[in-house]
Amino acid sequence: MSHSKLHDLDIRQLTTALEKNTHITSLNIQDNNLGMGSIEALKNNTTLKHLDISHNNLRNQPIEKLIENTHLSSLNILNNKITVQIIESFLKNTTLKTLSISGSEIGTDSSIQLTNHPTLVDLDLGFRKISFEAWHDLLLKIETNQYTDNFLDLKQSNLHDLDVKQLIGALEKNTHITSLNLESN
Protein backbone atom coordinates (compact mmCIF):
# COMPACT_ATOMS: atom_id res chain seq x y z
CA MET A 1 0.00 0.00 0.00
CA SER A 2 2.97 2.25 -0.43
CA HIS A 3 2.70 5.31 -2.69
CA SER A 4 -1.11 5.12 -2.51
CA LYS A 5 -1.91 8.65 -1.27
CA LEU A 6 -3.63 7.20 1.80
CA HIS A 7 -4.85 9.63 4.47
CA ASP A 8 -5.84 9.27 8.12
CA LEU A 9 -9.39 8.12 7.32
CA ASP A 10 -8.05 5.37 5.01
CA ILE A 11 -5.67 4.15 7.71
CA ARG A 12 -8.42 4.15 10.37
CA GLN A 13 -10.56 1.98 8.06
CA LEU A 14 -7.59 -0.28 7.40
CA THR A 15 -6.84 -0.73 11.10
CA THR A 16 -10.48 -1.59 11.74
CA ALA A 17 -10.18 -4.33 9.10
CA LEU A 18 -6.91 -5.50 10.68
CA GLU A 19 -8.70 -5.97 14.00
CA LYS A 20 -10.81 -8.62 12.29
CA ASN A 21 -7.98 -10.15 10.25
CA THR A 22 -5.32 -11.05 12.79
CA HIS A 23 -3.16 -12.94 10.27
CA ILE A 24 -1.58 -9.83 8.77
CA THR A 25 1.61 -9.09 10.68
CA SER A 26 3.44 -6.82 8.24
CA LEU A 27 2.26 -3.53 6.75
CA ASN A 28 4.06 -1.22 4.32
CA ILE A 29 2.41 2.19 4.06
CA GLN A 30 5.44 4.22 3.09
CA ASP A 31 5.14 7.42 1.08
CA ASN A 32 1.51 8.26 1.85
CA ASN A 33 -0.10 11.20 3.66
CA LEU A 34 -0.09 9.85 7.19
CA GLY A 35 -0.81 12.14 10.12
CA MET A 36 -1.60 11.87 13.82
CA GLY A 37 -4.93 10.12 13.12
CA SER A 38 -3.13 7.34 11.26
CA ILE A 39 -0.65 6.86 14.07
CA GLU A 40 -3.37 6.86 16.73
CA ALA A 41 -5.11 4.08 14.80
CA LEU A 42 -1.90 2.06 14.40
CA LYS A 43 -0.50 2.44 17.91
CA ASN A 44 -3.07 0.11 19.48
CA ASN A 45 -2.81 -2.64 16.87
CA THR A 46 -1.75 -5.90 18.51
CA THR A 47 -1.12 -8.09 15.44
CA LEU A 48 1.33 -6.00 13.42
CA LYS A 49 4.96 -6.94 14.04
CA HIS A 50 6.57 -5.12 11.11
CA LEU A 51 5.58 -1.60 10.08
CA ASP A 52 7.03 0.61 7.36
CA ILE A 53 5.91 4.24 7.58
CA SER A 54 8.96 5.70 5.86
CA HIS A 55 8.73 8.80 3.63
CA ASN A 56 5.63 10.27 5.30
CA ASN A 57 7.03 13.57 6.64
CA LEU A 58 6.06 12.56 10.17
CA ARG A 59 7.50 14.48 13.10
CA ASN A 60 8.43 13.37 16.63
CA GLN A 61 5.00 13.48 18.27
CA PRO A 62 3.25 10.91 16.04
CA ILE A 63 6.28 8.61 16.02
CA GLU A 64 6.57 8.78 19.83
CA LYS A 65 2.94 7.62 20.06
CA LEU A 66 3.69 4.70 17.75
CA ILE A 67 6.77 3.67 19.73
CA GLU A 68 4.37 2.96 22.63
CA ASN A 69 3.11 -0.07 20.66
CA THR A 70 4.87 -2.96 22.39
CA HIS A 71 3.83 -5.49 19.74
CA LEU A 72 6.06 -4.06 16.99
CA SER A 73 9.42 -5.73 16.52
CA SER A 74 10.39 -3.92 13.31
CA LEU A 75 9.87 -0.24 12.51
CA ASN A 76 11.02 1.62 9.40
CA ILE A 77 10.73 5.39 9.79
CA LEU A 78 13.46 6.46 7.41
CA ASN A 79 13.19 9.85 5.75
CA ASN A 80 10.73 11.33 8.22
CA LYS A 81 11.21 14.59 10.11
CA ILE A 82 12.22 13.14 13.48
CA THR A 83 14.85 14.84 15.61
CA VAL A 84 17.18 13.97 18.49
CA GLN A 85 14.46 14.43 21.13
CA ILE A 86 12.94 11.09 20.11
CA ILE A 87 15.99 9.02 21.15
CA GLU A 88 14.70 8.62 24.73
CA SER A 89 11.43 7.12 23.44
CA PHE A 90 13.35 4.54 21.40
CA LEU A 91 15.47 3.61 24.39
CA LYS A 92 12.32 2.92 26.46
CA ASN A 93 10.83 0.50 23.92
CA THR A 94 12.08 -3.00 24.71
CA THR A 95 10.32 -4.92 21.93
CA LEU A 96 11.93 -3.37 18.84
CA LYS A 97 14.50 -5.60 17.19
CA THR A 98 14.84 -3.72 13.89
CA LEU A 99 14.86 0.05 13.51
CA SER A 100 15.59 2.14 10.44
CA ILE A 101 16.12 5.86 11.06
CA SER A 102 18.37 6.68 8.12
CA GLY A 103 17.65 9.95 6.41
CA SER A 104 16.17 11.43 9.59
CA GLU A 105 17.23 14.67 11.22
CA ILE A 106 18.74 12.82 14.18
CA GLY A 107 22.44 13.58 14.24
CA THR A 108 24.80 10.66 14.11
CA ASP A 109 26.31 11.52 17.48
CA SER A 110 22.87 11.12 19.06
CA SER A 111 21.84 8.07 17.07
CA ILE A 112 25.00 6.27 18.22
CA GLN A 113 23.26 6.12 21.63
CA LEU A 114 20.93 3.56 20.08
CA THR A 115 23.84 1.13 19.71
CA ASN A 116 23.36 0.49 23.45
CA HIS A 117 19.69 -0.44 23.00
CA PRO A 118 18.99 -3.74 24.81
CA THR A 119 16.86 -5.45 22.13
CA LEU A 120 17.85 -3.96 18.75
CA VAL A 121 19.67 -6.39 16.47
CA ASP A 122 19.33 -4.37 13.24
CA LEU A 123 19.91 -0.63 13.32
CA ASP A 124 20.01 1.40 10.11
CA LEU A 125 21.92 4.65 10.65
CA GLY A 126 22.81 5.28 7.00
CA PHE A 127 22.71 8.55 5.05
CA ARG A 128 24.63 10.67 7.53
CA LYS A 129 28.09 12.05 7.99
CA ILE A 130 29.58 10.69 11.17
CA SER A 131 31.60 13.08 13.32
CA PHE A 132 35.13 12.14 14.37
CA GLU A 133 34.08 11.56 18.00
CA ALA A 134 31.00 9.48 17.14
CA TRP A 135 33.01 7.40 14.65
CA HIS A 136 35.67 6.53 17.23
CA ASP A 137 32.98 5.77 19.83
CA LEU A 138 31.29 3.39 17.36
CA LEU A 139 34.62 1.75 16.45
CA LEU A 140 35.40 1.14 20.12
CA LYS A 141 31.95 -0.42 20.65
CA ILE A 142 32.44 -2.67 17.62
CA GLU A 143 35.96 -3.70 18.63
CA THR A 144 35.05 -4.47 22.26
CA ASN A 145 31.80 -6.27 21.34
CA GLN A 146 29.65 -3.61 22.99
CA TYR A 147 27.96 -3.19 19.61
CA THR A 148 25.79 -6.29 19.74
CA ASP A 149 23.51 -5.69 16.73
CA ASN A 150 23.79 -8.28 13.97
CA PHE A 151 23.45 -5.69 11.19
CA LEU A 152 25.48 -2.52 10.75
CA ASP A 153 24.21 -0.18 8.06
CA LEU A 154 26.59 2.67 7.23
CA LYS A 155 25.43 3.35 3.68
CA GLN A 156 26.13 6.85 2.40
CA SER A 157 27.97 7.79 5.59
CA ASN A 158 30.82 9.54 3.77
CA LEU A 159 33.44 7.04 4.95
CA HIS A 160 36.96 7.36 3.55
CA ASP A 161 39.80 4.84 3.09
CA LEU A 162 41.19 5.39 6.60
CA ASP A 163 37.71 5.00 8.11
CA VAL A 164 37.22 1.69 6.31
CA LYS A 165 40.65 0.44 7.45
CA GLN A 166 39.76 1.33 11.04
CA LEU A 167 36.42 -0.42 10.64
CA ILE A 168 38.11 -3.56 9.31
CA GLY A 169 40.38 -3.60 12.34
CA ALA A 170 37.42 -3.30 14.69
CA LEU A 171 35.41 -5.95 12.81
CA GLU A 172 38.25 -8.47 13.19
CA LYS A 173 37.49 -8.49 16.93
CA ASN A 174 33.67 -8.31 16.78
CA THR A 175 31.66 -11.50 17.20
CA HIS A 176 28.15 -10.06 16.77
CA ILE A 177 27.93 -8.32 13.39
CA THR A 178 26.84 -10.73 10.65
CA SER A 179 25.76 -8.23 7.98
CA LEU A 180 27.41 -4.99 6.93
CA ASN A 181 26.27 -2.36 4.39
CA LEU A 182 28.87 0.15 3.20
CA GLU A 183 27.02 1.12 0.02
CA SER A 184 27.83 4.46 -1.64
CA ASN A 185 30.66 5.66 0.55
C-alpha atoms as a PDB file:
ATOM      1  CA  MET A   1       0.000   0.000   0.000  1.00  0.00           C
ATOM      2  CA  SER A   2       2.971   2.252  -0.434  1.00  0.00           C
ATOM      3  CA  HIS A   3       2.703   5.314  -2.688  1.00  0.00           C
ATOM      4  CA  SER A   4      -1.111   5.117  -2.511  1.00  0.00           C
ATOM      5  CA  LYS A   5      -1.912   8.650  -1.275  1.00  0.00           C
ATOM      6  CA  LEU A   6      -3.627   7.202   1.801  1.00  0.00           C
ATOM      7  CA  HIS A   7      -4.852   9.631   4.472  1.00  0.00           C
ATOM      8  CA  ASP A   8      -5.843   9.268   8.124  1.00  0.00           C
ATOM      9  CA  LEU A   9      -9.390   8.117   7.316  1.00  0.00           C
ATOM     10  CA  ASP A  10      -8.052   5.375   5.012  1.00  0.00           C
ATOM     11  CA  ILE A  11      -5.669   4.148   7.706  1.00  0.00           C
ATOM     12  CA  ARG A  12      -8.424   4.146  10.367  1.00  0.00           C
ATOM     13  CA  GLN A  13     -10.563   1.984   8.059  1.00  0.00           C
ATOM     14  CA  LEU A  14      -7.586  -0.276   7.401  1.00  0.00           C
ATOM     15  CA  THR A  15      -6.837  -0.733  11.103  1.00  0.00           C
ATOM     16  CA  THR A  16     -10.484  -1.587  11.736  1.00  0.00           C
ATOM     17  CA  ALA A  17     -10.181  -4.327   9.104  1.00  0.00           C
ATOM     18  CA  LEU A  18      -6.911  -5.502  10.678  1.00  0.00           C
ATOM     19  CA  GLU A  19      -8.697  -5.970  14.005  1.00  0.00           C
ATOM     20  CA  LYS A  20     -10.814  -8.618  12.292  1.00  0.00           C
ATOM     21  CA  ASN A  21      -7.976 -10.151  10.251  1.00  0.00           C
ATOM     22  CA  THR A  22      -5.318 -11.055  12.795  1.00  0.00           C
ATOM     23  CA  HIS A  23      -3.163 -12.939  10.267  1.00  0.00           C
ATOM     24  CA  ILE A  24      -1.577  -9.832   8.767  1.00  0.00           C
ATOM     25  CA  THR A  25       1.609  -9.087  10.685  1.00  0.00           C
ATOM     26  CA  SER A  26       3.440  -6.820   8.236  1.00  0.00           C
ATOM     27  CA  LEU A  27       2.260  -3.525   6.751  1.00  0.00           C
ATOM     28  CA  ASN A  28       4.058  -1.221   4.318  1.00  0.00           C
ATOM     29  CA  ILE A  29       2.406   2.195   4.060  1.00  0.00           C
ATOM     30  CA  GLN A  30       5.438   4.218   3.086  1.00  0.00           C
ATOM     31  CA  ASP A  31       5.138   7.423   1.079  1.00  0.00           C
ATOM     32  CA  ASN A  32       1.505   8.263   1.853  1.00  0.00           C
ATOM     33  CA  ASN A  33      -0.103  11.197   3.655  1.00  0.00           C
ATOM     34  CA  LEU A  34      -0.091   9.853   7.192  1.00  0.00           C
ATOM     35  CA  GLY A  35      -0.815  12.137  10.121  1.00  0.00           C
ATOM     36  CA  MET A  36      -1.604  11.873  13.819  1.00  0.00           C
ATOM     37  CA  GLY A  37      -4.928  10.125  13.116  1.00  0.00           C
ATOM     38  CA  SER A  38      -3.131   7.339  11.263  1.00  0.00           C
ATOM     39  CA  ILE A  39      -0.651   6.856  14.069  1.00  0.00           C
ATOM     40  CA  GLU A  40      -3.374   6.860  16.728  1.00  0.00           C
ATOM     41  CA  ALA A  41      -5.111   4.082  14.803  1.00  0.00           C
ATOM     42  CA  LEU A  42      -1.897   2.062  14.402  1.00  0.00           C
ATOM     43  CA  LYS A  43      -0.497   2.444  17.911  1.00  0.00           C
ATOM     44  CA  ASN A  44      -3.066   0.106  19.478  1.00  0.00           C
ATOM     45  CA  ASN A  45      -2.805  -2.644  16.870  1.00  0.00           C
ATOM     46  CA  THR A  46      -1.753  -5.901  18.510  1.00  0.00           C
ATOM     47  CA  THR A  47      -1.120  -8.088  15.441  1.00  0.00           C
ATOM     48  CA  LEU A  48       1.330  -5.998  13.418  1.00  0.00           C
ATOM     49  CA  LYS A  49       4.956  -6.940  14.044  1.00  0.00           C
ATOM     50  CA  HIS A  50       6.566  -5.124  11.107  1.00  0.00           C
ATOM     51  CA  LEU A  51       5.576  -1.600  10.085  1.00  0.00           C
ATOM     52  CA  ASP A  52       7.034   0.608   7.360  1.00  0.00           C
ATOM     53  CA  ILE A  53       5.911   4.239   7.580  1.00  0.00           C
ATOM     54  CA  SER A  54       8.955   5.700   5.856  1.00  0.00           C
ATOM     55  CA  HIS A  55       8.734   8.798   3.634  1.00  0.00           C
ATOM     56  CA  ASN A  56       5.628  10.273   5.305  1.00  0.00           C
ATOM     57  CA  ASN A  57       7.033  13.574   6.641  1.00  0.00           C
ATOM     58  CA  LEU A  58       6.061  12.558  10.175  1.00  0.00           C
ATOM     59  CA  ARG A  59       7.502  14.480  13.097  1.00  0.00           C
ATOM     60  CA  ASN A  60       8.430  13.375  16.629  1.00  0.00           C
ATOM     61  CA  GLN A  61       5.000  13.481  18.269  1.00  0.00           C
ATOM     62  CA  PRO A  62       3.254  10.912  16.045  1.00  0.00           C
ATOM     63  CA  ILE A  63       6.280   8.615  16.021  1.00  0.00           C
ATOM     64  CA  GLU A  64       6.565   8.778  19.830  1.00  0.00           C
ATOM     65  CA  LYS A  65       2.942   7.618  20.059  1.00  0.00           C
ATOM     66  CA  LEU A  66       3.688   4.700  17.748  1.00  0.00           C
ATOM     67  CA  ILE A  67       6.769   3.667  19.731  1.00  0.00           C
ATOM     68  CA  GLU A  68       4.369   2.958  22.628  1.00  0.00           C
ATOM     69  CA  ASN A  69       3.112  -0.066  20.655  1.00  0.00           C
ATOM     70  CA  THR A  70       4.866  -2.959  22.386  1.00  0.00           C
ATOM     71  CA  HIS A  71       3.831  -5.492  19.741  1.00  0.00           C
ATOM     72  CA  LEU A  72       6.059  -4.063  16.993  1.00  0.00           C
ATOM     73  CA  SER A  73       9.422  -5.730  16.521  1.00  0.00           C
ATOM     74  CA  SER A  74      10.388  -3.916  13.313  1.00  0.00           C
ATOM     75  CA  LEU A  75       9.869  -0.237  12.513  1.00  0.00           C
ATOM     76  CA  ASN A  76      11.018   1.618   9.404  1.00  0.00           C
ATOM     77  CA  ILE A  77      10.730   5.386   9.794  1.00  0.00           C
ATOM     78  CA  LEU A  78      13.459   6.456   7.411  1.00  0.00           C
ATOM     79  CA  ASN A  79      13.192   9.848   5.747  1.00  0.00           C
ATOM     80  CA  ASN A  80      10.729  11.331   8.218  1.00  0.00           C
ATOM     81  CA  LYS A  81      11.213  14.586  10.107  1.00  0.00           C
ATOM     82  CA  ILE A  82      12.221  13.136  13.476  1.00  0.00           C
ATOM     83  CA  THR A  83      14.854  14.841  15.608  1.00  0.00           C
ATOM     84  CA  VAL A  84      17.179  13.965  18.486  1.00  0.00           C
ATOM     85  CA  GLN A  85      14.460  14.426  21.127  1.00  0.00           C
ATOM     86  CA  ILE A  86      12.942  11.090  20.106  1.00  0.00           C
ATOM     87  CA  ILE A  87      15.993   9.024  21.148  1.00  0.00           C
ATOM     88  CA  GLU A  88      14.695   8.616  24.726  1.00  0.00           C
ATOM     89  CA  SER A  89      11.435   7.117  23.436  1.00  0.00           C
ATOM     90  CA  PHE A  90      13.348   4.536  21.396  1.00  0.00           C
ATOM     91  CA  LEU A  91      15.475   3.615  24.389  1.00  0.00           C
ATOM     92  CA  LYS A  92      12.324   2.925  26.463  1.00  0.00           C
ATOM     93  CA  ASN A  93      10.832   0.498  23.921  1.00  0.00           C
ATOM     94  CA  THR A  94      12.084  -3.005  24.706  1.00  0.00           C
ATOM     95  CA  THR A  95      10.324  -4.922  21.925  1.00  0.00           C
ATOM     96  CA  LEU A  96      11.934  -3.368  18.839  1.00  0.00           C
ATOM     97  CA  LYS A  97      14.499  -5.601  17.194  1.00  0.00           C
ATOM     98  CA  THR A  98      14.842  -3.724  13.888  1.00  0.00           C
ATOM     99  CA  LEU A  99      14.858   0.046  13.511  1.00  0.00           C
ATOM    100  CA  SER A 100      15.595   2.143  10.445  1.00  0.00           C
ATOM    101  CA  ILE A 101      16.117   5.859  11.056  1.00  0.00           C
ATOM    102  CA  SER A 102      18.367   6.675   8.122  1.00  0.00           C
ATOM    103  CA  GLY A 103      17.647   9.950   6.413  1.00  0.00           C
ATOM    104  CA  SER A 104      16.171  11.428   9.585  1.00  0.00           C
ATOM    105  CA  GLU A 105      17.226  14.670  11.220  1.00  0.00           C
ATOM    106  CA  ILE A 106      18.745  12.823  14.176  1.00  0.00           C
ATOM    107  CA  GLY A 107      22.437  13.579  14.237  1.00  0.00           C
ATOM    108  CA  THR A 108      24.804  10.662  14.115  1.00  0.00           C
ATOM    109  CA  ASP A 109      26.311  11.516  17.483  1.00  0.00           C
ATOM    110  CA  SER A 110      22.871  11.124  19.059  1.00  0.00           C
ATOM    111  CA  SER A 111      21.842   8.072  17.073  1.00  0.00           C
ATOM    112  CA  ILE A 112      24.997   6.270  18.222  1.00  0.00           C
ATOM    113  CA  GLN A 113      23.263   6.119  21.634  1.00  0.00           C
ATOM    114  CA  LEU A 114      20.930   3.558  20.076  1.00  0.00           C
ATOM    115  CA  THR A 115      23.839   1.125  19.710  1.00  0.00           C
ATOM    116  CA  ASN A 116      23.360   0.490  23.449  1.00  0.00           C
ATOM    117  CA  HIS A 117      19.689  -0.442  22.997  1.00  0.00           C
ATOM    118  CA  PRO A 118      18.994  -3.735  24.811  1.00  0.00           C
ATOM    119  CA  THR A 119      16.861  -5.446  22.129  1.00  0.00           C
ATOM    120  CA  LEU A 120      17.854  -3.962  18.751  1.00  0.00           C
ATOM    121  CA  VAL A 121      19.668  -6.391  16.472  1.00  0.00           C
ATOM    122  CA  ASP A 122      19.331  -4.371  13.236  1.00  0.00           C
ATOM    123  CA  LEU A 123      19.905  -0.631  13.322  1.00  0.00           C
ATOM    124  CA  ASP A 124      20.011   1.398  10.109  1.00  0.00           C
ATOM    125  CA  LEU A 125      21.919   4.650  10.651  1.00  0.00           C
ATOM    126  CA  GLY A 126      22.810   5.280   7.001  1.00  0.00           C
ATOM    127  CA  PHE A 127      22.706   8.553   5.048  1.00  0.00           C
ATOM    128  CA  ARG A 128      24.632  10.671   7.526  1.00  0.00           C
ATOM    129  CA  LYS A 129      28.092  12.053   7.988  1.00  0.00           C
ATOM    130  CA  ILE A 130      29.580  10.688  11.173  1.00  0.00           C
ATOM    131  CA  SER A 131      31.600  13.079  13.323  1.00  0.00           C
ATOM    132  CA  PHE A 132      35.130  12.143  14.370  1.00  0.00           C
ATOM    133  CA  GLU A 133      34.076  11.557  18.003  1.00  0.00           C
ATOM    134  CA  ALA A 134      31.004   9.477  17.143  1.00  0.00           C
ATOM    135  CA  TRP A 135      33.009   7.404  14.648  1.00  0.00           C
ATOM    136  CA  HIS A 136      35.669   6.527  17.234  1.00  0.00           C
ATOM    137  CA  ASP A 137      32.984   5.769  19.827  1.00  0.00           C
ATOM    138  CA  LEU A 138      31.290   3.393  17.365  1.00  0.00           C
ATOM    139  CA  LEU A 139      34.625   1.747  16.446  1.00  0.00           C
ATOM    140  CA  LEU A 140      35.398   1.144  20.120  1.00  0.00           C
ATOM    141  CA  LYS A 141      31.951  -0.416  20.653  1.00  0.00           C
ATOM    142  CA  ILE A 142      32.440  -2.672  17.619  1.00  0.00           C
ATOM    143  CA  GLU A 143      35.961  -3.701  18.632  1.00  0.00           C
ATOM    144  CA  THR A 144      35.047  -4.470  22.264  1.00  0.00           C
ATOM    145  CA  ASN A 145      31.797  -6.275  21.340  1.00  0.00           C
ATOM    146  CA  GLN A 146      29.655  -3.613  22.992  1.00  0.00           C
ATOM    147  CA  TYR A 147      27.960  -3.190  19.608  1.00  0.00           C
ATOM    148  CA  THR A 148      25.787  -6.292  19.741  1.00  0.00           C
ATOM    149  CA  ASP A 149      23.513  -5.692  16.734  1.00  0.00           C
ATOM    150  CA  ASN A 150      23.792  -8.278  13.967  1.00  0.00           C
ATOM    151  CA  PHE A 151      23.454  -5.693  11.190  1.00  0.00           C
ATOM    152  CA  LEU A 152      25.479  -2.517  10.752  1.00  0.00           C
ATOM    153  CA  ASP A 153      24.215  -0.177   8.057  1.00  0.00           C
ATOM    154  CA  LEU A 154      26.593   2.667   7.231  1.00  0.00           C
ATOM    155  CA  LYS A 155      25.427   3.350   3.677  1.00  0.00           C
ATOM    156  CA  GLN A 156      26.134   6.846   2.398  1.00  0.00           C
ATOM    157  CA  SER A 157      27.974   7.793   5.595  1.00  0.00           C
ATOM    158  CA  ASN A 158      30.822   9.540   3.775  1.00  0.00           C
ATOM    159  CA  LEU A 159      33.435   7.041   4.949  1.00  0.00           C
ATOM    160  CA  HIS A 160      36.956   7.361   3.551  1.00  0.00           C
ATOM    161  CA  ASP A 161      39.798   4.835   3.092  1.00  0.00           C
ATOM    162  CA  LEU A 162      41.193   5.386   6.595  1.00  0.00           C
ATOM    163  CA  ASP A 163      37.714   5.000   8.115  1.00  0.00           C
ATOM    164  CA  VAL A 164      37.224   1.692   6.313  1.00  0.00           C
ATOM    165  CA  LYS A 165      40.655   0.437   7.446  1.00  0.00           C
ATOM    166  CA  GLN A 166      39.761   1.328  11.038  1.00  0.00           C
ATOM    167  CA  LEU A 167      36.416  -0.420  10.641  1.00  0.00           C
ATOM    168  CA  ILE A 168      38.111  -3.559   9.305  1.00  0.00           C
ATOM    169  CA  GLY A 169      40.385  -3.602  12.345  1.00  0.00           C
ATOM    170  CA  ALA A 170      37.416  -3.303  14.693  1.00  0.00           C
ATOM    171  CA  LEU A 171      35.414  -5.954  12.814  1.00  0.00           C
ATOM    172  CA  GLU A 172      38.252  -8.465  13.190  1.00  0.00           C
ATOM    173  CA  LYS A 173      37.490  -8.493  16.927  1.00  0.00           C
ATOM    174  CA  ASN A 174      33.673  -8.308  16.781  1.00  0.00           C
ATOM    175  CA  THR A 175      31.663 -11.505  17.199  1.00  0.00           C
ATOM    176  CA  HIS A 176      28.149 -10.059  16.774  1.00  0.00           C
ATOM    177  CA  ILE A 177      27.927  -8.324  13.386  1.00  0.00           C
ATOM    178  CA  THR A 178      26.843 -10.727  10.654  1.00  0.00           C
ATOM    179  CA  SER A 179      25.764  -8.233   7.979  1.00  0.00           C
ATOM    180  CA  LEU A 180      27.411  -4.985   6.926  1.00  0.00           C
ATOM    181  CA  ASN A 181      26.269  -2.363   4.390  1.00  0.00           C
ATOM    182  CA  LEU A 182      28.870   0.148   3.196  1.00  0.00           C
ATOM    183  CA  GLU A 183      27.022   1.120   0.016  1.00  0.00           C
ATOM    184  CA  SER A 184      27.832   4.461  -1.640  1.00  0.00           C
ATOM    185  CA  ASN A 185      30.658   5.658   0.554  1.00  0.00           C
END
